[in-house]
């Protein structure tokens, strides 16, 4: 009996030690988050006051001394918040005090954080209701909308050709993105790459690269490729291709990570190799999501193709930029109507296809 008790106590020690270590980690995370929230709150309030009452925020010189003092003050406040366990971070990590005072403190700070963020955003964006409804501005908008809704059909032939070019730019970019995105998706799916450290390292490296590529909008890629290969539809297609590969690889990998593990375990039990497991247990489960994501992204690419034309990516956006620069608003009105109609048709068709797939 004593041996059993001893064994039980020996097993309880690591559990207690593990819980203590986990709680310590939670305190560390909460402290860092509290410091960040305190730094953010003080900095936002300070910059909002400067921008509203002293000088334009863009004219405010950066001071290491001032920022350092704010950071030190934030460290003190953040550490005190965590120590007293009355902060939003402590509630988030499950270490907050369970009393009415702590709950009220968290709620008050949460609302304070939201309010200062909203107020700072309002000041920074320089929202002006007066400017929006000024007589001169309303008259100018009326003239503009009047021209837009009386389109000039003399450029219909050029606009149709540019619109067809836009659709094909999106289509080719989407189709060419499928093979590389499909291959990358298997190497960026956590459930397939967590078996050993080497594959896990590949997973993280590819994820970082794809996240970086996806974070750069197609508009920026269009500028890069316009310099690289010249202005035209080829640059626009390459821009959409790069962005679509990174985006679809992420969507495909998430579909792989959410598969049912039952078929995988069943086929693995038969002694099948890695490729056979993927082909027979994983691929059948992800075909429909892959098709749905691809069709959905083609719909997105049609919309994006109209925008990248503004920076030399070809298509209807290029034509729109030309007439907008010349202030020929009736021609712009025709182009806008065509873009809206094509986007609406593409959205309807892609939606119906996705419904049919499922």
Protein backbone atom coordinates (compact mmCIF):
# COMPACT_ATOMS: atom_id res chain seq x y z
CA UNK A 1 0.00 0.00 0.00
CA UNK A 2 2.86 2.33 0.85
CA UNK A 3 4.55 1.48 -2.44
CA UNK A 4 1.39 2.31 -4.32
CA UNK A 5 1.08 5.61 -2.43
CA UNK A 6 4.70 6.36 -3.14
CA UNK A 7 4.24 5.58 -6.81
CA UNK A 8 1.14 7.75 -6.89
CA UNK A 9 2.95 10.61 -5.18
CA UNK A 10 5.92 10.23 -7.55
CA UNK A 11 3.58 10.52 -10.51
CA UNK A 12 1.82 13.51 -9.00
CA UNK A 13 5.05 15.52 -8.69
CA UNK A 14 5.68 15.91 -12.44
CA UNK A 15 2.02 16.76 -13.00
CA UNK A 16 2.16 19.48 -10.33
CA UNK A 17 5.47 20.71 -11.68
CA UNK A 18 4.04 20.77 -15.19
CA UNK A 19 1.01 22.74 -14.07
CA UNK A 20 3.25 25.19 -12.25
CA UNK A 21 5.46 25.63 -15.32
CA UNK A 22 2.40 26.11 -17.52
CA UNK A 23 1.02 28.75 -15.16
CA UNK A 24 4.39 30.51 -15.15
CA UNK A 25 4.34 30.62 -18.96
CA UNK A 26 0.84 32.09 -18.86
CA UNK A 27 2.07 34.82 -16.50
CA UNK A 28 4.97 35.61 -18.84
CA UNK A 29 2.67 35.79 -21.88
CA UNK A 30 0.17 37.93 -19.98
CA UNK A 31 2.95 40.27 -18.86
CA UNK A 32 4.21 40.80 -22.41
CA UNK A 33 0.69 41.39 -23.66
CA UNK A 34 -0.06 43.79 -20.82
CA UNK A 35 3.10 45.75 -21.60
CA UNK A 36 2.09 45.94 -25.25
CA UNK A 37 -1.45 47.08 -24.40
CA UNK A 38 -0.14 49.71 -21.99
CA UNK A 39 2.40 50.95 -24.57
CA UNK A 40 -0.29 51.03 -27.26
CA UNK A 41 -2.76 52.88 -25.04
CA UNK A 42 -0.30 55.55 -23.95
CA UNK A 43 1.13 56.02 -27.44
CA UNK A 44 -2.28 56.26 -29.10
CA UNK A 45 -3.56 58.79 -26.57
CA UNK A 46 -0.38 60.85 -26.87
CA UNK A 47 -0.36 60.86 -30.68
CA UNK A 48 -4.09 61.59 -30.86
CA UNK A 49 -3.69 64.60 -28.57
CA UNK A 50 -0.72 65.87 -30.58
CA UNK A 51 -2.52 65.42 -33.88
CA UNK A 52 -5.70 67.08 -32.65
CA UNK A 53 -4.41 69.99 -30.59
CA UNK A 54 -0.72 70.62 -31.36
CA UNK A 55 0.38 69.77 -34.92
CA UNK A 56 -0.21 67.35 -37.74
CA UNK A 57 0.91 63.86 -36.84
CA UNK A 58 3.08 63.64 -39.95
CA UNK A 59 5.02 66.71 -38.79
CA UNK A 60 5.67 65.21 -35.35
CA UNK A 61 9.40 64.42 -35.01
CA UNK A 62 10.34 61.00 -33.68
CA UNK A 63 12.07 61.03 -30.30
CA UNK A 64 13.89 57.98 -28.93
CA UNK A 65 13.93 59.54 -25.47
CA UNK A 66 10.19 60.13 -25.42
CA UNK A 67 9.41 56.69 -26.84
CA UNK A 68 11.81 55.05 -24.39
CA UNK A 69 10.15 56.80 -21.45
CA UNK A 70 6.75 55.63 -22.67
CA UNK A 71 8.06 52.07 -22.99
CA UNK A 72 9.51 52.08 -19.45
CA UNK A 73 6.24 53.41 -18.08
CA UNK A 74 4.39 50.71 -20.06
CA UNK A 75 6.61 48.01 -18.55
CA UNK A 76 5.79 49.22 -15.05
CA UNK A 77 2.05 49.43 -15.72
CA UNK A 78 1.98 46.09 -17.57
CA UNK A 79 3.90 44.28 -14.85
CA UNK A 80 1.59 45.75 -12.20
CA UNK A 81 -1.49 44.68 -14.15
CA UNK A 82 -0.25 41.12 -14.39
CA UNK A 83 0.87 41.06 -10.75
CA UNK A 84 -2.56 42.16 -9.54
CA UNK A 85 -4.26 39.78 -12.02
CA UNK A 86 -6.82 42.41 -12.98
CA UNK A 87 -5.96 42.90 -16.64
CA UNK A 88 -7.52 41.92 -19.93
CA UNK A 89 -4.53 39.67 -20.63
CA UNK A 90 -4.97 37.78 -17.36
CA UNK A 91 -8.60 37.13 -18.29
CA UNK A 92 -7.46 35.96 -21.73
CA UNK A 93 -4.94 33.47 -20.30
CA UNK A 94 -7.20 32.30 -17.47
CA UNK A 95 -5.23 33.68 -14.52
CA UNK A 96 -7.42 36.66 -13.60
CA UNK A 97 -8.88 37.13 -10.13
CA UNK A 98 -12.45 35.98 -9.74
CA UNK A 99 -13.98 38.97 -8.00
CA UNK A 100 -16.21 41.85 -8.96
CA UNK A 101 -13.41 44.43 -8.82
CA UNK A 102 -11.25 42.48 -11.26
CA UNK A 103 -14.17 41.94 -13.62
CA UNK A 104 -15.06 45.63 -13.59
CA UNK A 105 -11.41 46.55 -14.21
CA UNK A 106 -11.23 44.26 -17.25
CA UNK A 107 -14.48 45.58 -18.69
CA UNK A 108 -13.53 49.22 -18.15
CA UNK A 109 -10.11 48.78 -19.75
CA UNK A 110 -11.60 46.82 -22.65
CA UNK A 111 -14.02 49.66 -23.41
CA UNK A 112 -11.23 52.21 -22.91
CA UNK A 113 -9.03 50.35 -25.40
CA UNK A 114 -11.83 50.24 -27.96
CA UNK A 115 -12.74 53.90 -27.44
CA UNK A 116 -9.23 55.29 -27.80
CA UNK A 117 -8.67 53.17 -30.91
CA UNK A 118 -11.88 54.49 -32.48
CA UNK A 119 -11.15 58.09 -31.51
CA UNK A 120 -7.56 57.87 -32.76
CA UNK A 121 -8.80 56.40 -36.03
CA UNK A 122 -11.39 59.17 -36.36
CA UNK A 123 -8.74 61.87 -35.82
CA UNK A 124 -6.14 60.21 -38.07
CA UNK A 125 -8.55 59.79 -40.99
CA UNK A 126 -9.65 63.42 -40.54
CA UNK A 127 -13.36 62.64 -40.93
CA UNK A 128 -15.32 65.78 -41.82
CA UNK A 129 -19.09 65.71 -42.18
CA UNK A 130 -18.98 69.35 -43.28
CA UNK A 131 -16.74 68.56 -46.24
CA UNK A 132 -18.89 65.57 -47.20
CA UNK A 133 -22.08 67.62 -47.46
CA UNK A 134 -20.66 70.95 -48.59
CA UNK A 135 -22.55 72.65 -51.40
CA UNK A 136 -19.59 72.71 -53.80
CA UNK A 137 -18.77 69.07 -53.16
CA UNK A 138 -22.36 67.90 -53.64
CA UNK A 139 -22.63 69.82 -56.94
CA UNK A 140 -19.38 68.26 -58.20
CA UNK A 141 -20.57 64.79 -57.25
CA UNK A 142 -23.90 65.41 -59.02
CA UNK A 143 -22.09 66.39 -62.23
CA UNK A 144 -19.84 63.33 -61.98
CA UNK A 145 -22.65 60.85 -61.37
CA UNK A 146 -24.70 62.49 -64.10
CA UNK A 147 -21.89 61.80 -66.58
CA UNK A 148 -21.33 58.26 -65.30
CA UNK A 149 -24.97 57.31 -65.78
CA UNK A 150 -25.12 58.71 -69.30
CA UNK A 151 -22.45 56.43 -70.83
CA UNK A 152 -20.78 57.08 -74.16
CA UNK A 153 -21.20 54.00 -76.37
CA UNK A 154 -18.71 55.16 -78.97
CA UNK A 155 -15.95 53.18 -77.25
CA UNK A 156 -18.03 50.01 -76.88
CA UNK A 157 -15.81 47.96 -79.21
CA UNK A 158 -12.59 48.86 -77.37
CA UNK A 159 -14.26 48.30 -74.00
CA UNK A 160 -15.54 44.85 -75.01
CA UNK A 161 -12.10 43.77 -76.19
CA UNK A 162 -10.50 45.07 -72.96
CA UNK A 163 -13.13 43.28 -70.86
CA UNK A 164 -12.52 39.99 -72.69
CA UNK A 165 -8.79 40.49 -72.14
CA UNK A 166 -9.44 40.99 -68.43
CA UNK A 167 -11.47 37.77 -68.16
CA UNK A 168 -8.74 35.78 -69.92
CA UNK A 169 -6.03 37.29 -67.71
CA UNK A 170 -7.93 36.03 -64.66
CA UNK A 171 -8.68 32.65 -66.25
CA UNK A 172 -5.09 31.86 -67.31
CA UNK A 173 -3.68 33.02 -63.99
CA UNK A 174 -6.14 30.79 -62.11
CA UNK A 175 -5.51 27.72 -64.30
CA UNK A 176 -1.71 28.04 -64.18
CA UNK A 177 -1.83 28.45 -60.40
CA UNK A 178 -3.51 25.08 -59.81
CA UNK A 179 -0.50 22.67 -60.19
CA UNK A 180 2.00 24.64 -58.03
CA UNK A 181 -0.66 25.49 -55.44
CA UNK A 182 -1.72 21.84 -55.31
CA UNK A 183 1.84 20.62 -54.77
CA UNK A 184 2.63 23.30 -52.20
CA UNK A 185 -0.57 22.58 -50.27
CA UNK A 186 0.61 19.08 -49.34
CA UNK A 187 3.93 20.46 -48.07
CA UNK A 188 2.19 23.19 -46.04
CA UNK A 189 -0.39 20.96 -44.34
CA UNK A 190 0.56 20.49 -40.71
CA UNK A 191 -1.01 17.05 -40.34
CA UNK A 192 1.13 15.68 -43.20
CA UNK A 193 4.42 17.36 -42.26
CA UNK A 194 4.65 16.97 -38.48
CA UNK A 195 6.14 13.46 -38.48
CA UNK A 196 9.77 14.55 -38.05
CA UNK A 197 11.82 17.69 -37.57
CA UNK A 198 13.00 17.87 -41.19
CA UNK A 199 9.52 17.85 -42.72
CA UNK A 200 8.31 20.21 -40.00
CA UNK A 201 11.11 22.65 -40.92
CA UNK A 202 10.04 22.48 -44.58
CA UNK A 203 6.48 23.18 -43.49
CA UNK A 204 7.46 26.30 -41.55
CA UNK A 205 9.78 27.64 -44.27
CA UNK A 206 7.15 27.25 -46.99
CA UNK A 207 4.47 28.77 -44.75
CA UNK A 208 6.66 31.83 -44.12
CA UNK A 209 7.37 32.25 -47.84
CA UNK A 210 3.72 31.86 -48.86
CA UNK A 211 2.55 34.24 -46.12
CA UNK A 212 5.06 36.81 -47.35
CA UNK A 213 3.99 36.42 -50.99
CA UNK A 214 0.30 36.56 -50.07
CA UNK A 215 0.79 39.65 -47.91
CA UNK A 216 1.92 41.58 -51.00
CA UNK A 217 -1.22 42.55 -52.88
CA UNK A 218 -1.65 41.73 -56.56
CA UNK A 219 -1.53 45.47 -57.28
CA UNK A 220 2.07 45.61 -56.00
CA UNK A 221 3.00 42.47 -57.96
CA UNK A 222 1.54 44.12 -61.08
CA UNK A 223 3.85 47.10 -60.58
CA UNK A 224 6.84 44.76 -60.17
CA UNK A 225 6.03 42.72 -63.26
CA UNK A 226 5.23 45.84 -65.30
CA UNK A 227 8.83 46.88 -64.77
CA UNK A 228 10.08 43.31 -65.30
CA UNK A 229 8.28 42.27 -68.50
CA UNK A 230 6.72 45.55 -69.60
CA UNK A 231 3.26 47.03 -69.39
CA UNK A 232 0.49 44.79 -70.70
CA UNK A 233 -1.70 41.75 -70.00
CA UNK A 234 1.31 39.46 -69.45
CA UNK A 235 2.41 41.51 -66.44
CA UNK A 236 -1.15 41.44 -65.08
CA UNK A 237 -1.41 37.69 -65.53
CA UNK A 238 1.92 37.10 -63.74
CA UNK A 239 0.83 39.31 -60.85
CA UNK A 240 -2.41 37.40 -60.40
CA UNK A 241 -0.60 34.08 -60.85
CA UNK A 242 1.88 34.70 -58.02
CA UNK A 243 -0.79 35.96 -55.65
CA UNK A 244 -3.19 33.14 -56.53
CA UNK A 245 -0.58 30.42 -55.97
CA UNK A 246 0.14 31.68 -52.47
CA UNK A 247 -3.54 32.19 -51.60
CA UNK A 248 -4.83 28.91 -53.03
CA UNK A 249 -1.98 26.94 -51.47
CA UNK A 250 -3.13 28.26 -48.09
CA UNK A 251 -6.77 27.38 -48.77
CA UNK A 252 -5.87 23.93 -50.10
CA UNK A 253 -3.64 23.16 -47.11
CA UNK A 254 -6.41 24.11 -44.70
CA UNK A 255 -8.72 21.70 -46.53
CA UNK A 256 -6.11 18.96 -46.11
CA UNK A 257 -5.73 19.74 -42.41
CA UNK A 258 -9.47 19.35 -41.86
CA UNK A 259 -9.83 15.90 -43.46
CA UNK A 260 -11.27 12.88 -41.64
CA UNK A 261 -8.38 10.79 -40.26
CA UNK A 262 -10.39 7.56 -40.39
CA UNK A 263 -9.59 6.65 -44.03
CA UNK A 264 -5.95 7.60 -43.48
CA UNK A 265 -5.62 5.25 -40.52
CA UNK A 266 -7.48 2.47 -42.33
CA UNK A 267 -5.24 2.60 -45.41
CA UNK A 268 -2.12 2.98 -43.26
CA UNK A 269 -3.07 -0.25 -41.46
CA UNK A 270 -2.86 -2.13 -44.78
CA UNK A 271 0.83 -1.27 -45.07
CA UNK A 272 0.40 1.32 -47.83
CA UNK A 273 3.26 3.72 -48.48
CA UNK A 274 3.07 7.50 -48.13
CA UNK A 275 2.06 8.23 -51.72
CA UNK A 276 -0.67 5.57 -51.66
CA UNK A 277 -2.08 7.00 -48.44
CA UNK A 278 -2.22 10.49 -49.93
CA UNK A 279 -3.76 9.33 -53.21
CA UNK A 280 -6.39 6.96 -51.79
CA UNK A 281 -7.20 8.49 -48.39
CA UNK A 282 -6.63 12.23 -48.72
CA UNK A 283 -7.20 13.20 -52.36
CA UNK A 284 -10.81 11.88 -52.53
CA UNK A 285 -11.70 14.03 -49.51
CA UNK A 286 -10.27 17.27 -50.90
CA UNK A 287 -11.33 17.19 -54.56
CA UNK A 288 -14.59 19.07 -54.00
CA UNK A 289 -13.12 21.75 -51.69
CA UNK A 290 -10.26 22.24 -54.15
CA UNK A 291 -12.68 22.78 -57.05
CA UNK A 292 -14.80 25.14 -54.99
CA UNK A 293 -11.80 27.22 -53.88
CA UNK A 294 -10.44 27.38 -57.44
CA UNK A 295 -13.73 28.59 -58.91
CA UNK A 296 -14.12 31.08 -56.09
CA UNK A 297 -10.63 32.45 -56.69
CA UNK A 298 -11.27 32.82 -60.41
CA UNK A 299 -14.22 35.02 -59.46
CA UNK A 300 -11.90 37.06 -57.23
CA UNK A 301 -9.25 37.28 -59.96
CA UNK A 302 -11.74 38.78 -62.43
CA UNK A 303 -12.34 41.60 -59.96
CA UNK A 304 -8.65 42.01 -59.19
CA UNK A 305 -7.77 42.01 -62.90
CA UNK A 306 -9.80 45.20 -63.33
CA UNK A 307 -7.71 46.88 -60.62
CA UNK A 308 -4.22 45.80 -61.68
CA UNK A 309 -4.90 47.35 -65.07
CA UNK A 310 -4.65 50.72 -63.34
CA UNK A 311 -0.90 50.17 -62.87
CA UNK A 312 -0.13 48.68 -66.28
CA UNK A 313 -1.54 45.18 -65.95
CA UNK A 314 -3.62 45.41 -69.13
CA UNK A 315 -7.31 44.76 -69.55
CA UNK A 316 -10.25 47.01 -68.79
CA UNK A 317 -8.46 48.72 -65.91
CA UNK A 318 -5.89 50.17 -68.29
CA UNK A 319 -8.65 51.63 -70.48
CA UNK A 320 -10.43 52.97 -67.40
CA UNK A 321 -7.26 54.73 -66.29
CA UNK A 322 -6.82 56.38 -69.67
CA UNK A 323 -10.31 57.90 -69.81
CA UNK A 324 -10.29 58.83 -66.13
CA UNK A 325 -7.03 60.74 -66.67
CA UNK A 326 -8.67 62.65 -69.50
CA UNK A 327 -11.75 63.37 -67.31
CA UNK A 328 -14.00 61.79 -69.95
CA UNK A 329 -16.59 60.66 -67.43
CA UNK A 330 -19.17 59.40 -69.90
CA UNK A 331 -16.66 56.90 -71.28
CA UNK A 332 -15.72 56.03 -67.70
CA UNK A 333 -19.41 55.45 -67.00
CA UNK A 334 -19.65 52.85 -69.79
CA UNK A 335 -16.56 51.04 -68.50
CA UNK A 336 -17.87 51.03 -64.91
CA UNK A 337 -21.22 49.62 -66.03
CA UNK A 338 -19.46 46.86 -68.00
CA UNK A 339 -17.23 45.96 -65.05
CA UNK A 340 -20.21 45.82 -62.68
CA UNK A 341 -22.19 43.65 -65.11
CA UNK A 342 -19.35 41.17 -65.72
CA UNK A 343 -18.53 40.92 -62.01
CA UNK A 344 -22.20 40.28 -61.23
CA UNK A 345 -22.42 37.56 -63.89
CA UNK A 346 -19.19 35.93 -62.67
CA UNK A 347 -20.38 36.00 -59.08
CA UNK A 348 -23.70 34.39 -60.05
CA UNK A 349 -22.10 31.71 -62.25
CA UNK A 350 -19.38 30.80 -59.75
CA UNK A 351 -21.97 30.60 -56.98
CA UNK A 352 -24.16 28.25 -59.02
CA UNK A 353 -21.16 26.06 -59.89
CA UNK A 354 -20.12 25.81 -56.25
CA UNK A 355 -23.67 24.85 -55.29
CA UNK A 356 -23.69 22.15 -57.97
CA UNK A 357 -20.37 20.76 -56.73
CA UNK A 358 -21.68 20.34 -53.20
